[in-house]
Amino acid sequence: MLKERRKAAETVATALFAAERAIDQAISCTANLAGVMPISRAEANLSAMVGQDALTDAIETMRALGQARQSIINTHKQLSLTQHDIGLSAVSFGDSGEKPAVLTEGRRRAATLVRAA
């Protein structure tokens, strides 16, 4: 039974990490696009109005990707809870990055300053 749960968790973890990487890659590529568009327009000596709608849409795509990234992070958090619920809390599934504490020291200080204000 434990072996099956672990295998299922590994399959889900692999898919989760792939989704996280894909969203980050999409953010990077879209940011590059949004950065290149105004430079290319200027280098071609075109009016600032040229391509404005496309630039606005690229920026809107960045916003949507930011929301997607937050959603996949929330998914990751929920799956971490599920991992504990199914008795696999001691198992690491190869997430390449170290997870930050729920409230980092900088955020703790900022929260303290806000409460003091």
Protein backbone atom coordinates (compact mmCIF):
# COMPACT_ATOMS: atom_id res chain seq x y z
CA MET A 1 0.00 0.00 0.00
CA LEU A 2 2.79 2.45 0.91
CA LYS A 3 4.62 1.56 -2.29
CA GLU A 4 1.55 2.46 -4.40
CA ARG A 5 1.05 5.76 -2.58
CA ARG A 6 4.70 6.65 -3.04
CA LYS A 7 4.56 5.81 -6.77
CA ALA A 8 1.41 7.91 -7.21
CA ALA A 9 3.01 10.81 -5.32
CA GLU A 10 6.16 10.59 -7.47
CA THR A 11 4.04 10.69 -10.64
CA VAL A 12 2.15 13.75 -9.40
CA ALA A 13 5.35 15.46 -8.22
CA THR A 14 7.00 14.98 -11.61
CA ALA A 15 3.99 16.52 -13.34
CA LEU A 16 3.86 19.38 -10.82
CA PHE A 17 7.53 20.26 -11.29
CA ALA A 18 7.11 20.17 -15.07
CA ALA A 19 4.13 22.52 -14.84
CA GLU A 20 6.06 24.92 -12.59
CA ARG A 21 9.00 24.96 -15.01
CA ALA A 22 6.69 25.51 -17.98
CA ILE A 23 5.00 28.49 -16.35
CA ASP A 24 8.35 30.03 -15.41
CA GLN A 25 9.59 29.48 -18.98
CA ALA A 26 6.44 31.09 -20.38
CA ILE A 27 6.95 34.09 -18.08
CA SER A 28 10.56 34.42 -19.20
CA CYS A 29 9.70 34.16 -22.92
CA THR A 30 6.80 36.60 -22.64
CA ALA A 31 8.93 39.08 -20.71
CA ASN A 32 11.53 38.85 -23.45
CA LEU A 33 8.85 39.48 -26.08
CA ALA A 34 7.49 42.48 -24.19
CA GLY A 35 11.02 43.86 -23.89
CA VAL A 36 11.97 43.34 -27.52
CA MET A 37 8.84 44.86 -29.03
CA PRO A 38 9.40 48.53 -28.09
CA ILE A 39 13.13 48.32 -28.85
CA SER A 40 12.44 46.83 -32.29
CA ARG A 41 9.79 49.44 -32.96
CA ALA A 42 12.20 52.25 -32.07
CA GLU A 43 15.03 50.73 -34.12
CA ALA A 44 12.69 50.62 -37.12
CA ASN A 45 11.90 54.32 -36.59
CA LEU A 46 8.19 53.61 -36.18
CA SER A 47 5.69 55.66 -34.21
CA ALA A 48 5.09 54.69 -30.59
CA MET A 49 1.51 53.94 -31.62
CA VAL A 50 2.67 51.08 -33.85
CA GLY A 51 2.23 47.78 -32.05
CA GLN A 52 0.80 49.34 -28.90
CA ASP A 53 -2.13 46.91 -28.79
CA ALA A 54 0.24 43.96 -29.18
CA LEU A 55 2.47 45.29 -26.40
CA THR A 56 -0.53 45.79 -24.14
CA ASP A 57 -1.64 42.23 -24.84
CA ALA A 58 1.84 40.88 -24.07
CA ILE A 59 1.79 42.75 -20.78
CA GLU A 60 -1.67 41.36 -20.05
CA THR A 61 -0.29 37.90 -20.79
CA MET A 62 2.43 38.52 -18.19
CA ARG A 63 -0.26 39.39 -15.63
CA ALA A 64 -2.17 36.20 -16.45
CA LEU A 65 1.01 34.14 -16.21
CA GLY A 66 1.69 35.73 -12.82
CA GLN A 67 -1.72 34.55 -11.69
CA ALA A 68 -1.04 31.11 -13.15
CA ARG A 69 2.23 30.95 -11.23
CA GLN A 70 0.45 31.85 -7.99
CA SER A 71 -2.12 29.14 -8.70
CA ILE A 72 0.53 26.48 -9.31
CA ILE A 73 2.28 27.54 -6.10
CA ASN A 74 -1.04 27.11 -4.28
CA THR A 75 -1.41 23.70 -5.92
CA HIS A 76 2.08 22.79 -4.69
CA LYS A 77 1.18 23.84 -1.14
CA GLN A 78 -2.00 21.76 -1.23
CA LEU A 79 -0.15 18.75 -2.57
CA SER A 80 2.40 19.12 0.23
CA LEU A 81 -0.47 18.90 2.71
CA THR A 82 -1.81 15.86 0.87
CA GLN A 83 1.64 14.28 1.06
CA HIS A 84 1.45 14.51 4.85
CA ASP A 85 -2.15 13.30 4.89
CA ILE A 86 -1.24 10.08 3.07
CA GLY A 87 1.70 9.33 5.34
CA LEU A 88 4.57 10.46 3.10
CA SER A 89 5.77 13.48 5.05
CA ALA A 90 9.30 12.07 5.40
CA VAL A 91 9.67 11.51 1.65
CA SER A 92 11.33 14.05 -0.65
CA PHE A 93 10.23 14.06 -4.27
CA GLY A 94 13.17 15.89 -5.75
CA ASP A 95 11.98 19.47 -5.76
CA SER A 96 15.16 21.24 -6.80
CA GLY A 97 14.60 24.33 -4.69
CA GLU A 98 14.43 24.75 -0.98
CA LYS A 99 11.01 25.84 0.23
CA PRO A 100 10.98 29.09 2.19
CA ALA A 101 9.51 29.28 5.65
CA VAL A 102 5.87 30.32 5.67
CA LEU A 103 6.85 33.77 6.90
CA THR A 104 10.40 34.83 6.07
CA GLU A 105 12.34 37.11 8.38
CA GLY A 106 11.94 40.10 6.05
CA ARG A 107 8.19 39.58 5.89
CA ARG A 108 8.08 39.16 9.69
CA ARG A 109 9.78 42.53 10.11
CA ALA A 110 7.45 44.16 7.58
CA ALA A 111 4.41 42.67 9.34
CA THR A 112 5.73 43.95 12.67
CA LEU A 113 6.21 47.44 11.22
CA VAL A 114 2.69 47.44 9.77
CA ARG A 115 1.19 46.39 13.11
CA ALA A 116 3.21 49.10 14.89
CA ALA A 117 2.04 51.82 12.51
